[in-house]
Amino acid sequence: MLVDVVSVTVLDGYQVKLRFKDGVEGIADIGKMVKFTGVFAPLADHDYFAKVSVNPDLGTIAWPNGADIDPDVLYAAITGKPIPNYQSGIPVGNH
């Protein structure tokens, strides 16, 4: 997929509305996608969670402590499409 996130809006709870470069939009519930441990521990504080922004270098959402979520994971969560299995840069298993 490799479609960059271009905008993020924080919603209630741990949900975010995302828009991708290809125009796809949807809501992802980050609270159901990650455990708030390790690098994600600060996100349990909703005020900190709300500091999410788009990192254009990574093409995804990120927080000030460097926590980020793979854009393919976010895209799959919103579209229901499977995450590609990459081997040597070539998608496999999705023929």
PDB file of N, CA and C in Angstrom:
ATOM      1  N   MET A   1       0.833  -1.189   0.000  1.00  0.00           N
ATOM      2  CA  MET A   1       0.000   0.000   0.000  1.00  0.00           C
ATOM      3  C   MET A   1       0.869   1.240   0.000  1.00  0.00           C
ATOM      4  N   LEU A   2       1.565   1.458   1.078  1.00  0.00           N
ATOM      5  CA  LEU A   2       2.456   2.605   1.198  1.00  0.00           C
ATOM      6  C   LEU A   2       1.776   3.913   0.804  1.00  0.00           C
ATOM      7  N   VAL A   3       0.623   4.175   1.411  1.00  0.00           N
ATOM      8  CA  VAL A   3      -0.100   5.416   1.174  1.00  0.00           C
ATOM      9  C   VAL A   3       0.099   6.302   2.402  1.00  0.00           C
ATOM     10  N   ASP A   4       0.631   7.497   2.197  1.00  0.00           N
ATOM     11  CA  ASP A   4       0.931   8.400   3.300  1.00  0.00           C
ATOM     12  C   ASP A   4      -0.327   8.992   3.928  1.00  0.00           C
ATOM     13  N   VAL A   5      -0.265   9.177   5.238  1.00  0.00           N
ATOM     14  CA  VAL A   5      -1.282   9.925   5.963  1.00  0.00           C
ATOM     15  C   VAL A   5      -0.999  11.412   5.720  1.00  0.00           C
ATOM     16  N   VAL A   6      -2.040  12.181   5.392  1.00  0.00           N
ATOM     17  CA  VAL A   6      -1.844  13.607   5.145  1.00  0.00           C
ATOM     18  C   VAL A   6      -2.547  14.494   6.169  1.00  0.00           C
ATOM     19  N   SER A   7      -3.514  13.926   6.929  1.00  0.00           N
ATOM     20  CA  SER A   7      -4.118  14.723   7.997  1.00  0.00           C
ATOM     21  C   SER A   7      -4.634  13.816   9.095  1.00  0.00           C
ATOM     22  N   VAL A   8      -4.647  14.356  10.309  1.00  0.00           N
ATOM     23  CA  VAL A   8      -5.149  13.633  11.481  1.00  0.00           C
ATOM     24  C   VAL A   8      -5.935  14.596  12.351  1.00  0.00           C
ATOM     25  N   THR A   9      -7.080  14.123  12.835  1.00  0.00           N
ATOM     26  CA  THR A   9      -7.913  14.878  13.767  1.00  0.00           C
ATOM     27  C   THR A   9      -8.227  13.969  14.938  1.00  0.00           C
ATOM     28  N   VAL A  10      -8.004  14.443  16.158  1.00  0.00           N
ATOM     29  CA  VAL A  10      -8.292  13.658  17.349  1.00  0.00           C
ATOM     30  C   VAL A  10      -9.788  13.726  17.628  1.00  0.00           C
ATOM     31  N   LEU A  11     -10.376  12.562  17.892  1.00  0.00           N
ATOM     32  CA  LEU A  11     -11.796  12.451  18.221  1.00  0.00           C
ATOM     33  C   LEU A  11     -11.931  11.984  19.668  1.00  0.00           C
ATOM     34  N   ASP A  12     -13.119  11.562  20.056  1.00  0.00           N
ATOM     35  CA  ASP A  12     -13.349  11.074  21.417  1.00  0.00           C
ATOM     36  C   ASP A  12     -12.536   9.820  21.690  1.00  0.00           C
ATOM     37  N   GLY A  13     -12.252   9.604  22.953  1.00  0.00           N
ATOM     38  CA  GLY A  13     -11.490   8.427  23.346  1.00  0.00           C
ATOM     39  C   GLY A  13     -10.121   8.451  22.705  1.00  0.00           C
ATOM     40  N   TYR A  14      -9.742   7.336  22.143  1.00  0.00           N
ATOM     41  CA  TYR A  14      -8.449   7.231  21.486  1.00  0.00           C
ATOM     42  C   TYR A  14      -8.620   7.051  19.981  1.00  0.00           C
ATOM     43  N   GLN A  15      -9.658   7.680  19.455  1.00  0.00           N
ATOM     44  CA  GLN A  15      -9.921   7.601  18.023  1.00  0.00           C
ATOM     45  C   GLN A  15      -9.340   8.809  17.304  1.00  0.00           C
ATOM     46  N   VAL A  16      -8.915   8.567  16.079  1.00  0.00           N
ATOM     47  CA  VAL A  16      -8.427   9.639  15.214  1.00  0.00           C
ATOM     48  C   VAL A  16      -9.075   9.498  13.849  1.00  0.00           C
ATOM     49  N   LYS A  17      -9.377  10.626  13.250  1.00  0.00           N
ATOM     50  CA  LYS A  17      -9.846  10.629  11.868  1.00  0.00           C
ATOM     51  C   LYS A  17      -8.627  10.883  11.003  1.00  0.00           C
ATOM     52  N   LEU A  18      -8.426  10.013  10.028  1.00  0.00           N
ATOM     53  CA  LEU A  18      -7.259  10.113   9.156  1.00  0.00           C
ATOM     54  C   LEU A  18      -7.684  10.332   7.714  1.00  0.00           C
ATOM     55  N   ARG A  19      -6.858  11.072   6.995  1.00  0.00           N
ATOM     56  CA  ARG A  19      -7.012  11.181   5.549  1.00  0.00           C
ATOM     57  C   ARG A  19      -5.678  10.796   4.934  1.00  0.00           C
ATOM     58  N   PHE A  20      -5.758   9.970   3.891  1.00  0.00           N
ATOM     59  CA  PHE A  20      -4.564   9.492   3.210  1.00  0.00           C
ATOM     60  C   PHE A  20      -4.372  10.227   1.887  1.00  0.00           C
ATOM     61  N   LYS A  21      -3.169  10.146   1.364  1.00  0.00           N
ATOM     62  CA  LYS A  21      -2.813  10.858   0.136  1.00  0.00           C
ATOM     63  C   LYS A  21      -3.710  10.489  -1.041  1.00  0.00           C
ATOM     64  N   ASP A  22      -4.247   9.264  -1.053  1.00  0.00           N
ATOM     65  CA  ASP A  22      -5.114   8.838  -2.151  1.00  0.00           C
ATOM     66  C   ASP A  22      -6.575   9.247  -1.954  1.00  0.00           C
ATOM     67  N   GLY A  23      -6.858  10.034  -0.891  1.00  0.00           N
ATOM     68  CA  GLY A  23      -8.205  10.524  -0.637  1.00  0.00           C
ATOM     69  C   GLY A  23      -9.027   9.680   0.307  1.00  0.00           C
ATOM     70  N   VAL A  24      -8.567   8.488   0.642  1.00  0.00           N
ATOM     71  CA  VAL A  24      -9.286   7.636   1.590  1.00  0.00           C
ATOM     72  C   VAL A  24      -9.310   8.316   2.954  1.00  0.00           C
ATOM     73  N   GLU A  25     -10.479   8.308   3.594  1.00  0.00           N
ATOM     74  CA  GLU A  25     -10.645   8.869   4.937  1.00  0.00           C
ATOM     75  C   GLU A  25     -11.346   7.852   5.812  1.00  0.00           C
ATOM     76  N   GLY A  26     -11.070   7.918   7.097  1.00  0.00           N
ATOM     77  CA  GLY A  26     -11.751   7.034   8.023  1.00  0.00           C
ATOM     78  C   GLY A  26     -11.276   7.249   9.442  1.00  0.00           C
ATOM     79  N   ILE A  27     -11.889   6.487  10.343  1.00  0.00           N
ATOM     80  CA  ILE A  27     -11.583   6.605  11.765  1.00  0.00           C
ATOM     81  C   ILE A  27     -10.863   5.347  12.231  1.00  0.00           C
ATOM     82  N   ALA A  28      -9.768   5.550  12.944  1.00  0.00           N
ATOM     83  CA  ALA A  28      -9.009   4.447  13.530  1.00  0.00           C
ATOM     84  C   ALA A  28      -9.053   4.593  15.046  1.00  0.00           C
ATOM     85  N   ASP A  29      -9.320   3.507  15.734  1.00  0.00           N
ATOM     86  CA  ASP A  29      -9.325   3.498  17.193  1.00  0.00           C
ATOM     87  C   ASP A  29      -7.959   3.015  17.658  1.00  0.00           C
ATOM     88  N   ILE A  30      -7.101   3.960  17.980  1.00  0.00           N
ATOM     89  CA  ILE A  30      -5.727   3.639  18.362  1.00  0.00           C
ATOM     90  C   ILE A  30      -5.707   2.831  19.658  1.00  0.00           C
ATOM     91  N   GLY A  31      -6.679   3.080  20.542  1.00  0.00           N
ATOM     92  CA  GLY A  31      -6.767   2.340  21.791  1.00  0.00           C
ATOM     93  C   GLY A  31      -6.966   0.849  21.584  1.00  0.00           C
ATOM     94  N   LYS A  32      -7.517   0.460  20.444  1.00  0.00           N
ATOM     95  CA  LYS A  32      -7.703  -0.954  20.130  1.00  0.00           C
ATOM     96  C   LYS A  32      -6.534  -1.516  19.324  1.00  0.00           C
ATOM     97  N   MET A  33      -5.657  -0.632  18.864  1.00  0.00           N
ATOM     98  CA  MET A  33      -4.550  -1.063  18.008  1.00  0.00           C
ATOM     99  C   MET A  33      -3.237  -1.254  18.772  1.00  0.00           C
ATOM    100  N   VAL A  34      -3.045  -0.507  19.853  1.00  0.00           N
ATOM    101  CA  VAL A  34      -1.781  -0.581  20.593  1.00  0.00           C
ATOM    102  C   VAL A  34      -2.058  -0.746  22.089  1.00  0.00           C
ATOM    103  N   LYS A  35      -1.093  -1.341  22.765  1.00  0.00           N
ATOM    104  CA  LYS A  35      -1.121  -1.394  24.221  1.00  0.00           C
ATOM    105  C   LYS A  35      -0.351  -0.177  24.704  1.00  0.00           C
ATOM    106  N   PHE A  36      -0.862   0.476  25.722  1.00  0.00           N
ATOM    107  CA  PHE A  36      -0.220   1.684  26.234  1.00  0.00           C
ATOM    108  C   PHE A  36       0.924   1.314  27.180  1.00  0.00           C
ATOM    109  N   THR A  37       1.934   0.660  26.598  1.00  0.00           N
ATOM    110  CA  THR A  37       3.145   0.294  27.321  1.00  0.00           C
ATOM    111  C   THR A  37       4.335   0.740  26.491  1.00  0.00           C
ATOM    112  N   GLY A  38       5.499   0.724  27.086  1.00  0.00           N
ATOM    113  CA  GLY A  38       6.713   1.108  26.367  1.00  0.00           C
ATOM    114  C   GLY A  38       6.601   2.498  25.777  1.00  0.00           C
ATOM    115  N   VAL A  39       6.967   2.637  24.516  1.00  0.00           N
ATOM    116  CA  VAL A  39       6.944   3.942  23.851  1.00  0.00           C
ATOM    117  C   VAL A  39       5.519   4.497  23.771  1.00  0.00           C
ATOM    118  N   PHE A  40       4.510   3.615  23.831  1.00  0.00           N
ATOM    119  CA  PHE A  40       3.118   4.061  23.759  1.00  0.00           C
ATOM    120  C   PHE A  40       2.522   4.418  25.127  1.00  0.00           C
ATOM    121  N   ALA A  41       3.240   4.187  26.229  1.00  0.00           N
ATOM    122  CA  ALA A  41       2.721   4.450  27.577  1.00  0.00           C
ATOM    123  C   ALA A  41       2.221   5.888  27.764  1.00  0.00           C
ATOM    124  N   PRO A  42       2.951   6.904  27.296  1.00  0.00           N
ATOM    125  CA  PRO A  42       2.468   8.276  27.491  1.00  0.00           C
ATOM    126  C   PRO A  42       1.120   8.555  26.810  1.00  0.00           C
ATOM    127  N   LEU A  43       0.766   7.777  25.799  1.00  0.00           N
ATOM    128  CA  LEU A  43      -0.474   8.008  25.063  1.00  0.00           C
ATOM    129  C   LEU A  43      -1.713   7.694  25.892  1.00  0.00           C
ATOM    130  N   ALA A  44      -1.548   6.975  27.002  1.00  0.00           N
ATOM    131  CA  ALA A  44      -2.673   6.685  27.886  1.00  0.00           C
ATOM    132  C   ALA A  44      -3.252   7.971  28.464  1.00  0.00           C
ATOM    133  N   ASP A  45      -2.419   9.001  28.607  1.00  0.00           N
ATOM    134  CA  ASP A  45      -2.872  10.328  29.038  1.00  0.00           C
ATOM    135  C   ASP A  45      -3.486  11.000  27.807  1.00  0.00           C
ATOM    136  N   HIS A  46      -4.797  11.213  27.854  1.00  0.00           N
ATOM    137  CA  HIS A  46      -5.477  11.725  26.661  1.00  0.00           C
ATOM    138  C   HIS A  46      -4.944  13.091  26.217  1.00  0.00           C
ATOM    139  N   ASP A  47      -4.496  13.914  27.153  1.00  0.00           N
ATOM    140  CA  ASP A  47      -3.908  15.204  26.760  1.00  0.00           C
ATOM    141  C   ASP A  47      -2.654  14.992  25.921  1.00  0.00           C
ATOM    142  N   TYR A  48      -1.867  13.994  26.296  1.00  0.00           N
ATOM    143  CA  TYR A  48      -0.670  13.678  25.512  1.00  0.00           C
ATOM    144  C   TYR A  48      -1.066  13.031  24.189  1.00  0.00           C
ATOM    145  N   PHE A  49      -2.033  12.134  24.233  1.00  0.00           N
ATOM    146  CA  PHE A  49      -2.517  11.487  23.015  1.00  0.00           C
ATOM    147  C   PHE A  49      -2.919  12.535  21.982  1.00  0.00           C
ATOM    148  N   ALA A  50      -3.548  13.613  22.455  1.00  0.00           N
ATOM    149  CA  ALA A  50      -4.039  14.671  21.569  1.00  0.00           C
ATOM    150  C   ALA A  50      -2.917  15.452  20.888  1.00  0.00           C
ATOM    151  N   LYS A  51      -1.671  15.218  21.272  1.00  0.00           N
ATOM    152  CA  LYS A  51      -0.533  15.898  20.638  1.00  0.00           C
ATOM    153  C   LYS A  51      -0.083  15.211  19.349  1.00  0.00           C
ATOM    154  N   VAL A  52      -0.864  14.239  18.894  1.00  0.00           N
ATOM    155  CA  VAL A  52      -0.537  13.523  17.661  1.00  0.00           C
ATOM    156  C   VAL A  52      -0.496  14.498  16.483  1.00  0.00           C
ATOM    157  N   SER A  53       0.388  14.218  15.551  1.00  0.00           N
ATOM    158  CA  SER A  53       0.482  15.031  14.338  1.00  0.00           C
ATOM    159  C   SER A  53       0.953  14.142  13.192  1.00  0.00           C
ATOM    160  N   VAL A  54       0.878  14.671  11.991  1.00  0.00           N
ATOM    161  CA  VAL A  54       1.384  13.952  10.831  1.00  0.00           C
ATOM    162  C   VAL A  54       2.878  14.216  10.722  1.00  0.00           C
ATOM    163  N   ASN A  55       3.643  13.153  10.604  1.00  0.00           N
ATOM    164  CA  ASN A  55       5.070  13.277  10.344  1.00  0.00           C
ATOM    165  C   ASN A  55       5.252  13.046   8.842  1.00  0.00           C
ATOM    166  N   PRO A  56       5.450  14.117   8.070  1.00  0.00           N
ATOM    167  CA  PRO A  56       5.534  13.963   6.621  1.00  0.00           C
ATOM    168  C   PRO A  56       6.737  13.147   6.162  1.00  0.00           C
ATOM    169  N   ASP A  57       7.801  13.098   6.957  1.00  0.00           N
ATOM    170  CA  ASP A  57       8.967  12.295   6.586  1.00  0.00           C
ATOM    171  C   ASP A  57       8.656  10.799   6.656  1.00  0.00           C
ATOM    172  N   LEU A  58       7.799  10.425   7.620  1.00  0.00           N
ATOM    173  CA  LEU A  58       7.426   9.023   7.785  1.00  0.00           C
ATOM    174  C   LEU A  58       6.134   8.675   7.057  1.00  0.00           C
ATOM    175  N   GLY A  59       5.338   9.692   6.725  1.00  0.00           N
ATOM    176  CA  GLY A  59       4.066   9.464   6.059  1.00  0.00           C
ATOM    177  C   GLY A  59       3.006   8.885   6.965  1.00  0.00           C
ATOM    178  N   THR A  60       3.141   9.146   8.267  1.00  0.00           N
ATOM    179  CA  THR A  60       2.193   8.599   9.224  1.00  0.00           C
ATOM    180  C   THR A  60       2.005   9.539  10.397  1.00  0.00           C
ATOM    181  N   ILE A  61       1.230   9.079  11.371  1.00  0.00           N
ATOM    182  CA  ILE A  61       1.017   9.884  12.568  1.00  0.00           C
ATOM    183  C   ILE A  61       2.093   9.552  13.597  1.00  0.00           C
ATOM    184  N   ALA A  62       2.425  10.553  14.403  1.00  0.00           N
ATOM    185  CA  ALA A  62       3.459  10.365  15.415  1.00  0.00           C
ATOM    186  C   ALA A  62       3.195  11.303  16.584  1.00  0.00           C
ATOM    187  N   TRP A  63       3.825  10.979  17.704  1.00  0.00           N
ATOM    188  CA  TRP A  63       3.708  11.779  18.915  1.00  0.00           C
ATOM    189  C   TRP A  63       5.075  12.362  19.251  1.00  0.00           C
ATOM    190  N   PRO A  64       5.115  13.373  20.121  1.00  0.00           N
ATOM    191  CA  PRO A  64       6.385  14.037  20.431  1.00  0.00           C
ATOM    192  C   PRO A  64       7.496  13.109  20.946  1.00  0.00           C
ATOM    193  N   ASN A  65       7.140  11.984  21.576  1.00  0.00           N
ATOM    194  CA  ASN A  65       8.165  11.077  22.100  1.00  0.00           C
ATOM    195  C   ASN A  65       8.717  10.139  21.036  1.00  0.00           C
ATOM    196  N   GLY A  66       8.248  10.260  19.794  1.00  0.00           N
ATOM    197  CA  GLY A  66       8.737   9.428  18.705  1.00  0.00           C
ATOM    198  C   GLY A  66       7.870   8.221  18.403  1.00  0.00           C
ATOM    199  N   ALA A  67       6.847   7.976  19.213  1.00  0.00           N
ATOM    200  CA  ALA A  67       5.935   6.858  18.935  1.00  0.00           C
ATOM    201  C   ALA A  67       5.218   7.131  17.618  1.00  0.00           C
ATOM    202  N   ASP A  68       5.106   6.104  16.784  1.00  0.00           N
ATOM    203  CA  ASP A  68       4.363   6.234  15.532  1.00  0.00           C
ATOM    204  C   ASP A  68       3.743   4.890  15.188  1.00  0.00           C
ATOM    205  N   ILE A  69       2.842   4.895  14.238  1.00  0.00           N
ATOM    206  CA  ILE A  69       2.176   3.664  13.799  1.00  0.00           C
ATOM    207  C   ILE A  69       2.356   3.554  12.292  1.00  0.00           C
ATOM    208  N   ASP A  70       2.745   2.376  11.858  1.00  0.00           N
ATOM    209  CA  ASP A  70       2.976   2.127  10.442  1.00  0.00           C
ATOM    210  C   ASP A  70       1.750   2.552   9.627  1.00  0.00           C
ATOM    211  N   PRO A  71       1.946   3.352   8.575  1.00  0.00           N
ATOM    212  CA  PRO A  71       0.798   3.802   7.786  1.00  0.00           C
ATOM    213  C   PRO A  71       0.040   2.656   7.115  1.00  0.00           C
ATOM    214  N   ASP A  72       0.721   1.554   6.791  1.00  0.00           N
ATOM    215  CA  ASP A  72       0.026   0.397   6.216  1.00  0.00           C
ATOM    216  C   ASP A  72      -0.963  -0.198   7.217  1.00  0.00           C
ATOM    217  N   VAL A  73      -0.584  -0.212   8.488  1.00  0.00           N
ATOM    218  CA  VAL A  73      -1.467  -0.722   9.538  1.00  0.00           C
ATOM    219  C   VAL A  73      -2.698   0.170   9.648  1.00  0.00           C
ATOM    220  N   LEU A  74      -2.495   1.475   9.624  1.00  0.00           N
ATOM    221  CA  LEU A  74      -3.610   2.417   9.706  1.00  0.00           C
ATOM    222  C   LEU A  74      -4.521   2.296   8.486  1.00  0.00           C
ATOM    223  N   TYR A  75      -3.926   2.204   7.315  1.00  0.00           N
ATOM    224  CA  TYR A  75      -4.696   2.103   6.068  1.00  0.00           C
ATOM    225  C   TYR A  75      -5.532   0.827   6.064  1.00  0.00           C
ATOM    226  N   ALA A  76      -4.923  -0.271   6.509  1.00  0.00           N
ATOM    227  CA  ALA A  76      -5.643  -1.547   6.572  1.00  0.00           C
ATOM    228  C   ALA A  76      -6.797  -1.469   7.566  1.00  0.00           C
ATOM    229  N   ALA A  77      -6.581  -0.810   8.688  1.00  0.00           N
ATOM    230  CA  ALA A  77      -7.635  -0.686   9.699  1.00  0.00           C
ATOM    231  C   ALA A  77      -8.831   0.080   9.156  1.00  0.00           C
ATOM    232  N   ILE A  78      -8.583   1.070   8.333  1.00  0.00           N
ATOM    233  CA  ILE A  78      -9.659   1.901   7.804  1.00  0.00           C
ATOM    234  C   ILE A  78     -10.323   1.276   6.587  1.00  0.00           C
ATOM    235  N   THR A  79      -9.546   0.674   5.719  1.00  0.00           N
ATOM    236  CA  THR A  79     -10.106   0.147   4.468  1.00  0.00           C
ATOM    237  C   THR A  79     -10.514  -1.317   4.538  1.00  0.00           C
ATOM    238  N   GLY A  80      -9.975  -2.038   5.512  1.00  0.00           N
ATOM    239  CA  GLY A  80     -10.244  -3.466   5.587  1.00  0.00           C
ATOM    240  C   GLY A  80      -9.378  -4.283   4.643  1.00  0.00           C
ATOM    241  N   LYS A  81      -8.482  -3.623   3.910  1.00  0.00           N
ATOM    242  CA  LYS A  81      -7.579  -4.334   3.002  1.00  0.00           C
ATOM    243  C   LYS A  81      -6.447  -4.957   3.821  1.00  0.00           C
ATOM    244  N   PRO A  82      -5.978  -6.137   3.414  1.00  0.00           N
ATOM    245  CA  PRO A  82      -4.887  -6.774   4.162  1.00  0.00           C
ATOM    246  C   PRO A  82      -3.578  -5.995   4.031  1.00  0.00           C
ATOM    247  N   ILE A  83      -2.769  -6.134   5.056  1.00  0.00           N
ATOM    248  CA  ILE A  83      -1.448  -5.500   5.040  1.00  0.00           C
ATOM    249  C   ILE A  83      -0.556  -6.311   4.100  1.00  0.00           C
ATOM    250  N   PRO A  84       0.139  -5.635   3.175  1.00  0.00           N
ATOM    251  CA  PRO A  84       1.011  -6.370   2.248  1.00  0.00           C
ATOM    252  C   PRO A  84       2.136  -7.080   2.995  1.00  0.00           C
ATOM    253  N   ASN A  85       2.563  -8.211   2.456  1.00  0.00           N
ATOM    254  CA  ASN A  85       3.702  -8.944   2.974  1.00  0.00           C
ATOM    255  C   ASN A  85       4.865  -8.631   2.040  1.00  0.00           C
ATOM    256  N   TYR A  86       5.808  -7.834   2.522  1.00  0.00           N
ATOM    257  CA  TYR A  86       6.920  -7.410   1.675  1.00  0.00           C
ATOM    258  C   TYR A  86       8.127  -8.306   1.884  1.00  0.00           C
ATOM    259  N   GLN A  87       8.769  -8.671   0.791  1.00  0.00           N
ATOM    260  CA  GLN A  87      10.009  -9.423   0.837  1.00  0.00           C
ATOM    261  C   GLN A  87      10.919  -8.825  -0.234  1.00  0.00           C
ATOM    262  N   SER A  88      12.034  -8.285   0.186  1.00  0.00           N
ATOM    263  CA  SER A  88      12.964  -7.625  -0.725  1.00  0.00           C
ATOM    264  C   SER A  88      12.300  -6.472  -1.472  1.00  0.00           C
ATOM    265  N   GLY A  89      11.350  -5.799  -0.820  1.00  0.00           N
ATOM    266  CA  GLY A  89      10.707  -4.646  -1.421  1.00  0.00           C
ATOM    267  C   GLY A  89       9.625  -4.983  -2.419  1.00  0.00           C
ATOM    268  N   ILE A  90       9.332  -6.270  -2.620  1.00  0.00           N
ATOM    269  CA  ILE A  90       8.314  -6.667  -3.590  1.00  0.00           C
ATOM    270  C   ILE A  90       7.132  -7.271  -2.834  1.00  0.00           C
ATOM    271  N   PRO A  91       5.912  -6.759  -3.012  1.00  0.00           N
ATOM    272  CA  PRO A  91       4.767  -7.355  -2.331  1.00  0.00           C
ATOM    273  C   PRO A  91       4.596  -8.821  -2.757  1.00  0.00           C
ATOM    274  N   VAL A  92       4.406  -9.691  -1.760  1.00  0.00           N
ATOM    275  CA  VAL A  92       4.171 -11.100  -2.048  1.00  0.00           C
ATOM    276  C   VAL A  92       2.922 -11.559  -1.317  1.00  0.00           C
ATOM    277  N   GLY A  93       2.305 -12.600  -1.838  1.00  0.00           N
ATOM    278  CA  GLY A  93       1.153 -13.178  -1.168  1.00  0.00           C
ATOM    279  C   GLY A  93      -0.148 -12.435  -1.394  1.00  0.00           C
ATOM    280  N   ASN A  94      -0.172 -11.437  -2.253  1.00  0.00           N
ATOM    281  CA  ASN A  94      -1.374 -10.663  -2.503  1.00  0.00           C
ATOM    282  C   ASN A  94      -1.743 -10.717  -3.978  1.00  0.00           C
ATOM    283  N   HIS A  95      -1.534 -11.844  -4.608  1.00  0.00           N
ATOM    284  CA  HIS A  95      -1.805 -11.939  -6.043  1.00  0.00           C
ATOM    285  C   HIS A  95      -3.241 -12.277  -6.292  1.00  0.00           C
TER     286      HIS A  95
END
